[in-house]
N, C-alpha and C. Protein backbone atom coordinates (compact mmCIF):
# COMPACT_ATOMS: atom_id res chain seq x y z
N MET A 1 -9.38 9.21 4.95
CA MET A 1 -9.19 8.91 6.36
C MET A 1 -7.70 8.67 6.60
N ALA A 2 -7.15 9.41 7.52
CA ALA A 2 -5.78 9.23 7.85
C ALA A 2 -5.59 8.26 9.01
N VAL A 3 -4.69 7.35 8.87
CA VAL A 3 -4.42 6.40 9.92
C VAL A 3 -3.02 6.68 10.43
N VAL A 4 -2.93 6.98 11.72
CA VAL A 4 -1.63 7.27 12.34
C VAL A 4 -0.98 5.96 12.72
N VAL A 5 0.23 5.80 12.28
CA VAL A 5 0.98 4.55 12.55
C VAL A 5 2.27 4.90 13.24
N PRO A 6 2.56 4.29 14.39
CA PRO A 6 3.80 4.61 15.11
C PRO A 6 5.03 4.11 14.32
N ALA A 7 6.14 4.80 14.54
CA ALA A 7 7.41 4.43 13.85
C ALA A 7 7.86 3.05 14.16
N GLY A 8 7.51 2.50 15.34
CA GLY A 8 7.98 1.18 15.73
C GLY A 8 7.08 0.08 15.23
N ASP A 9 6.01 0.36 14.53
CA ASP A 9 5.14 -0.67 13.97
C ASP A 9 5.95 -1.59 13.08
N VAL A 10 5.74 -2.89 13.18
CA VAL A 10 6.54 -3.85 12.42
C VAL A 10 6.45 -3.63 10.90
N ARG A 11 5.29 -3.21 10.46
CA ARG A 11 5.16 -2.93 9.02
C ARG A 11 5.97 -1.72 8.62
N VAL A 12 6.01 -0.69 9.42
CA VAL A 12 6.81 0.50 9.18
C VAL A 12 8.27 0.13 9.13
N VAL A 13 8.71 -0.66 10.10
CA VAL A 13 10.09 -1.12 10.13
C VAL A 13 10.45 -1.91 8.85
N ALA A 14 9.51 -2.76 8.44
CA ALA A 14 9.76 -3.57 7.22
C ALA A 14 9.87 -2.72 5.97
N VAL A 15 8.95 -1.74 5.85
CA VAL A 15 8.98 -0.84 4.69
C VAL A 15 10.27 -0.03 4.68
N ARG A 16 10.61 0.47 5.86
CA ARG A 16 11.83 1.29 5.96
C ARG A 16 13.07 0.44 5.55
N ALA A 17 13.10 -0.80 5.99
CA ALA A 17 14.22 -1.69 5.65
C ALA A 17 14.27 -1.99 4.15
N ALA A 18 13.06 -2.01 3.51
CA ALA A 18 13.01 -2.29 2.10
C ALA A 18 13.42 -1.10 1.24
N LEU A 19 13.35 0.11 1.83
CA LEU A 19 13.69 1.31 1.05
C LEU A 19 15.00 1.93 1.43
N GLU A 20 15.34 1.97 2.71
CA GLU A 20 16.50 2.72 3.19
C GLU A 20 17.85 2.43 2.53
N PRO A 21 18.14 1.18 2.18
CA PRO A 21 19.46 0.91 1.59
C PRO A 21 19.64 1.48 0.18
N PHE A 22 18.54 1.91 -0.42
CA PHE A 22 18.55 2.30 -1.80
C PHE A 22 18.33 3.84 -1.95
N ALA A 23 18.62 4.31 -3.12
CA ALA A 23 18.34 5.71 -3.46
C ALA A 23 16.85 5.84 -3.84
N TRP A 24 15.98 5.61 -2.86
CA TRP A 24 14.53 5.50 -3.09
C TRP A 24 13.92 6.78 -3.65
N ARG A 25 14.51 7.90 -3.43
CA ARG A 25 13.99 9.15 -3.98
C ARG A 25 14.06 9.16 -5.50
N SER A 26 14.98 8.37 -6.06
CA SER A 26 15.07 8.29 -7.52
C SER A 26 14.10 7.26 -8.13
N PHE A 27 13.45 6.48 -7.26
CA PHE A 27 12.52 5.47 -7.76
C PHE A 27 11.24 6.16 -8.26
N THR A 28 10.48 5.43 -9.09
CA THR A 28 9.17 5.89 -9.43
C THR A 28 8.22 5.66 -8.24
N ALA A 29 7.10 6.30 -8.21
CA ALA A 29 6.15 6.10 -7.13
C ALA A 29 5.70 4.64 -7.14
N GLU A 30 5.52 4.07 -8.34
CA GLU A 30 5.05 2.69 -8.43
C GLU A 30 6.07 1.71 -7.82
N LEU A 31 7.34 1.95 -8.09
CA LEU A 31 8.34 1.05 -7.56
C LEU A 31 8.43 1.15 -6.01
N VAL A 32 8.38 2.38 -5.50
CA VAL A 32 8.34 2.57 -4.03
C VAL A 32 7.16 1.81 -3.42
N CYS A 33 5.99 1.95 -4.05
CA CYS A 33 4.79 1.32 -3.52
C CYS A 33 4.87 -0.20 -3.62
N ARG A 34 5.42 -0.72 -4.72
CA ARG A 34 5.55 -2.17 -4.86
C ARG A 34 6.48 -2.72 -3.78
N ARG A 35 7.58 -2.06 -3.53
CA ARG A 35 8.52 -2.50 -2.46
C ARG A 35 7.81 -2.43 -1.13
N ALA A 36 7.05 -1.39 -0.91
CA ALA A 36 6.37 -1.22 0.38
C ALA A 36 5.34 -2.27 0.60
N VAL A 37 4.52 -2.57 -0.38
CA VAL A 37 3.48 -3.62 -0.25
C VAL A 37 4.11 -4.97 -0.04
N ALA A 38 5.16 -5.24 -0.79
CA ALA A 38 5.81 -6.53 -0.60
C ALA A 38 6.42 -6.66 0.81
N ALA A 39 6.96 -5.56 1.32
CA ALA A 39 7.53 -5.57 2.67
C ALA A 39 6.44 -5.77 3.71
N MET A 40 5.34 -5.07 3.54
CA MET A 40 4.23 -5.21 4.44
C MET A 40 3.63 -6.61 4.47
N ASP A 41 3.74 -7.28 3.32
CA ASP A 41 3.20 -8.65 3.20
C ASP A 41 4.25 -9.69 3.49
N GLY A 42 5.21 -9.37 4.31
CA GLY A 42 6.23 -10.37 4.73
C GLY A 42 7.39 -10.50 3.77
N GLY A 43 7.63 -9.49 2.92
CA GLY A 43 8.75 -9.55 2.03
C GLY A 43 8.51 -10.35 0.78
N GLN A 44 7.28 -10.78 0.58
CA GLN A 44 6.96 -11.56 -0.59
C GLN A 44 6.70 -10.70 -1.82
N ALA A 45 7.63 -10.70 -2.75
CA ALA A 45 7.45 -10.00 -3.98
C ALA A 45 6.33 -10.67 -4.76
N PHE A 46 5.67 -9.93 -5.59
CA PHE A 46 4.55 -10.53 -6.33
C PHE A 46 4.71 -10.12 -7.78
N PRO A 47 4.35 -11.06 -8.68
CA PRO A 47 4.45 -10.81 -10.09
C PRO A 47 3.41 -9.83 -10.59
N ARG A 48 3.72 -9.09 -11.58
CA ARG A 48 2.76 -8.22 -12.22
C ARG A 48 1.85 -9.06 -13.06
N PRO A 49 0.55 -8.82 -13.05
CA PRO A 49 -0.35 -9.58 -13.90
C PRO A 49 -0.09 -9.34 -15.36
N ARG A 50 -0.18 -10.36 -16.14
CA ARG A 50 0.07 -10.26 -17.59
C ARG A 50 -1.20 -10.58 -18.37
N GLY A 51 -1.41 -9.86 -19.43
CA GLY A 51 -2.52 -10.15 -20.27
C GLY A 51 -3.81 -9.43 -19.87
N PRO A 52 -4.73 -9.27 -20.81
CA PRO A 52 -5.95 -8.54 -20.57
C PRO A 52 -6.96 -9.26 -19.67
N ARG A 53 -6.89 -10.55 -19.57
CA ARG A 53 -7.90 -11.27 -18.81
C ARG A 53 -7.52 -11.42 -17.35
N ASN A 54 -6.31 -11.04 -16.98
CA ASN A 54 -5.90 -11.15 -15.58
C ASN A 54 -6.39 -9.93 -14.80
N ARG A 55 -7.26 -10.20 -13.84
CA ARG A 55 -7.71 -9.14 -12.94
C ARG A 55 -6.68 -8.87 -11.89
N PRO A 56 -6.39 -7.59 -11.57
CA PRO A 56 -5.38 -7.32 -10.57
C PRO A 56 -5.74 -7.97 -9.24
N GLY A 57 -4.74 -8.47 -8.55
CA GLY A 57 -4.95 -9.06 -7.26
C GLY A 57 -5.01 -7.96 -6.16
N THR A 58 -5.19 -8.42 -4.94
CA THR A 58 -5.29 -7.46 -3.83
C THR A 58 -4.03 -6.65 -3.72
N GLN A 59 -2.89 -7.27 -3.80
CA GLN A 59 -1.61 -6.55 -3.69
C GLN A 59 -1.48 -5.50 -4.80
N GLU A 60 -1.88 -5.84 -5.99
CA GLU A 60 -1.81 -4.91 -7.12
C GLU A 60 -2.72 -3.73 -6.92
N GLU A 61 -3.92 -4.00 -6.43
CA GLU A 61 -4.87 -2.92 -6.13
C GLU A 61 -4.35 -2.02 -5.02
N CYS A 62 -3.71 -2.58 -4.04
CA CYS A 62 -3.13 -1.78 -2.95
C CYS A 62 -2.03 -0.89 -3.50
N VAL A 63 -1.16 -1.43 -4.36
CA VAL A 63 -0.12 -0.64 -5.00
C VAL A 63 -0.73 0.55 -5.74
N GLU A 64 -1.79 0.29 -6.49
CA GLU A 64 -2.42 1.38 -7.27
C GLU A 64 -2.99 2.44 -6.33
N ALA A 65 -3.56 2.05 -5.22
CA ALA A 65 -4.09 3.02 -4.23
C ALA A 65 -2.97 3.82 -3.61
N LEU A 66 -1.84 3.18 -3.29
CA LEU A 66 -0.70 3.91 -2.71
C LEU A 66 -0.06 4.87 -3.71
N VAL A 67 0.00 4.48 -4.97
CA VAL A 67 0.53 5.39 -5.97
C VAL A 67 -0.32 6.66 -6.05
N GLU A 68 -1.63 6.51 -5.94
CA GLU A 68 -2.52 7.68 -5.91
C GLU A 68 -2.26 8.56 -4.73
N VAL A 69 -1.95 7.95 -3.59
CA VAL A 69 -1.62 8.74 -2.39
C VAL A 69 -0.34 9.53 -2.62
N LEU A 70 0.66 8.89 -3.16
CA LEU A 70 1.92 9.55 -3.40
C LEU A 70 1.77 10.64 -4.46
N ALA A 71 0.89 10.44 -5.37
CA ALA A 71 0.68 11.47 -6.43
C ALA A 71 0.15 12.78 -5.84
N GLY A 72 -0.47 12.70 -4.67
CA GLY A 72 -1.02 13.85 -4.03
C GLY A 72 -0.14 14.54 -3.03
N CYS A 73 1.12 14.13 -2.93
CA CYS A 73 2.01 14.78 -1.98
C CYS A 73 3.45 14.81 -2.50
N ARG A 74 4.27 15.55 -1.82
CA ARG A 74 5.68 15.66 -2.19
C ARG A 74 6.45 14.62 -1.39
N TRP A 75 6.28 13.36 -1.76
CA TRP A 75 6.83 12.24 -1.00
C TRP A 75 8.37 12.21 -0.97
N ARG A 76 8.97 12.73 -2.03
CA ARG A 76 10.43 12.67 -2.08
C ARG A 76 11.06 13.63 -1.04
N SER A 77 10.30 14.54 -0.51
CA SER A 77 10.82 15.45 0.52
C SER A 77 10.71 14.87 1.93
N LEU A 78 10.05 13.71 2.08
CA LEU A 78 9.89 13.04 3.36
C LEU A 78 11.16 12.27 3.73
N THR A 79 11.32 12.01 4.99
CA THR A 79 12.35 11.10 5.44
C THR A 79 11.91 9.65 5.11
N VAL A 80 12.78 8.71 5.12
CA VAL A 80 12.38 7.33 4.87
C VAL A 80 11.40 6.87 5.93
N GLY A 81 11.56 7.32 7.14
CA GLY A 81 10.67 6.93 8.21
C GLY A 81 9.28 7.55 7.99
N GLY A 82 9.24 8.83 7.64
CA GLY A 82 7.96 9.48 7.33
C GLY A 82 7.26 8.85 6.19
N LEU A 83 8.01 8.51 5.12
CA LEU A 83 7.42 7.88 3.95
C LEU A 83 6.84 6.49 4.35
N SER A 84 7.60 5.78 5.16
CA SER A 84 7.19 4.43 5.57
C SER A 84 5.92 4.52 6.36
N ARG A 85 5.80 5.44 7.28
CA ARG A 85 4.58 5.62 8.05
C ARG A 85 3.40 6.01 7.18
N LEU A 86 3.66 6.90 6.23
CA LEU A 86 2.63 7.34 5.30
C LEU A 86 2.08 6.14 4.50
N LEU A 87 2.99 5.36 3.97
CA LEU A 87 2.60 4.20 3.14
C LEU A 87 1.83 3.14 3.96
N VAL A 88 2.30 2.84 5.16
CA VAL A 88 1.64 1.87 6.01
C VAL A 88 0.25 2.38 6.41
N GLY A 89 0.17 3.65 6.80
CA GLY A 89 -1.09 4.20 7.15
C GLY A 89 -2.08 4.23 6.00
N ALA A 90 -1.63 4.57 4.78
CA ALA A 90 -2.49 4.57 3.64
C ALA A 90 -2.92 3.17 3.25
N ALA A 91 -2.05 2.23 3.38
CA ALA A 91 -2.38 0.82 3.08
C ALA A 91 -3.42 0.28 4.06
N GLN A 92 -3.21 0.65 5.33
CA GLN A 92 -4.17 0.21 6.36
C GLN A 92 -5.55 0.80 6.14
N ALA A 93 -5.59 2.11 5.80
CA ALA A 93 -6.88 2.74 5.52
C ALA A 93 -7.53 2.10 4.29
N TRP A 94 -6.75 1.83 3.26
CA TRP A 94 -7.26 1.22 2.03
C TRP A 94 -7.82 -0.19 2.35
N ARG A 95 -7.10 -0.95 3.11
CA ARG A 95 -7.56 -2.31 3.47
C ARG A 95 -8.80 -2.29 4.33
N GLN A 96 -8.91 -1.31 5.26
CA GLN A 96 -10.12 -1.18 6.02
C GLN A 96 -11.34 -0.83 5.14
N GLU A 97 -11.11 0.12 4.21
CA GLU A 97 -12.16 0.46 3.26
C GLU A 97 -12.60 -0.69 2.41
N GLN A 98 -11.62 -1.48 1.96
CA GLN A 98 -11.95 -2.72 1.18
C GLN A 98 -12.75 -3.70 2.01
N ALA A 99 -12.43 -3.86 3.27
CA ALA A 99 -13.16 -4.78 4.14
C ALA A 99 -14.59 -4.30 4.29
N TRP A 100 -14.79 -3.01 4.48
CA TRP A 100 -16.19 -2.47 4.64
C TRP A 100 -16.94 -2.65 3.33
N PHE A 101 -16.28 -2.44 2.21
CA PHE A 101 -16.92 -2.63 0.92
C PHE A 101 -17.37 -4.06 0.77
N ASP A 102 -16.51 -5.01 1.11
CA ASP A 102 -16.86 -6.41 1.01
C ASP A 102 -18.04 -6.78 1.91
N ILE A 103 -18.09 -6.18 3.10
CA ILE A 103 -19.23 -6.41 4.01
C ILE A 103 -20.52 -5.84 3.41
N ARG A 104 -20.45 -4.65 2.93
CA ARG A 104 -21.67 -4.03 2.32
C ARG A 104 -22.11 -4.81 1.11
N LEU A 105 -21.16 -5.23 0.28
CA LEU A 105 -21.51 -6.03 -0.88
C LEU A 105 -22.17 -7.33 -0.49
N GLY A 106 -21.59 -7.98 0.50
CA GLY A 106 -22.19 -9.25 1.00
C GLY A 106 -23.60 -9.04 1.48
N LEU A 107 -23.83 -7.98 2.18
CA LEU A 107 -25.19 -7.71 2.67
C LEU A 107 -26.16 -7.48 1.55
N LEU A 108 -25.70 -6.71 0.55
CA LEU A 108 -26.54 -6.46 -0.62
C LEU A 108 -26.85 -7.76 -1.37
N LEU A 109 -25.87 -8.60 -1.55
CA LEU A 109 -26.07 -9.82 -2.24
C LEU A 109 -26.98 -10.79 -1.48
N ASP A 110 -26.96 -10.67 -0.12
CA ASP A 110 -27.83 -11.52 0.69
C ASP A 110 -29.26 -10.91 0.80
N GLY A 111 -29.43 -9.75 0.22
CA GLY A 111 -30.78 -9.11 0.28
C GLY A 111 -31.00 -8.38 1.57
N VAL A 112 -29.98 -8.18 2.39
CA VAL A 112 -30.19 -7.51 3.67
C VAL A 112 -30.12 -5.98 3.48
N GLY A 113 -29.22 -5.54 2.62
CA GLY A 113 -29.03 -4.08 2.47
C GLY A 113 -29.86 -3.57 1.38
């Protein structure tokens, strides 16, 4: 599901500001996505989980989903604005899907579904 996000969206502006000053085309997809998720979440960087017993957090799962999105396109050929809109739209779609999953799971656990 594609989510269209306007260029003036505050999250797009934040992601653009997090990438634009750097040679972001030389970054790995994971680094671009980490910077984008941190920018969307108010600029809060987050530590990578360490050890086998640490389950990835929501931010980490979002980064993984965004890396998959970038793997399916030629993201380095986009403008920083286009990439920012793509990442915000993909993150929004992923978060909406996660919310629906949580609702369906809750219904199943309550015996409703």
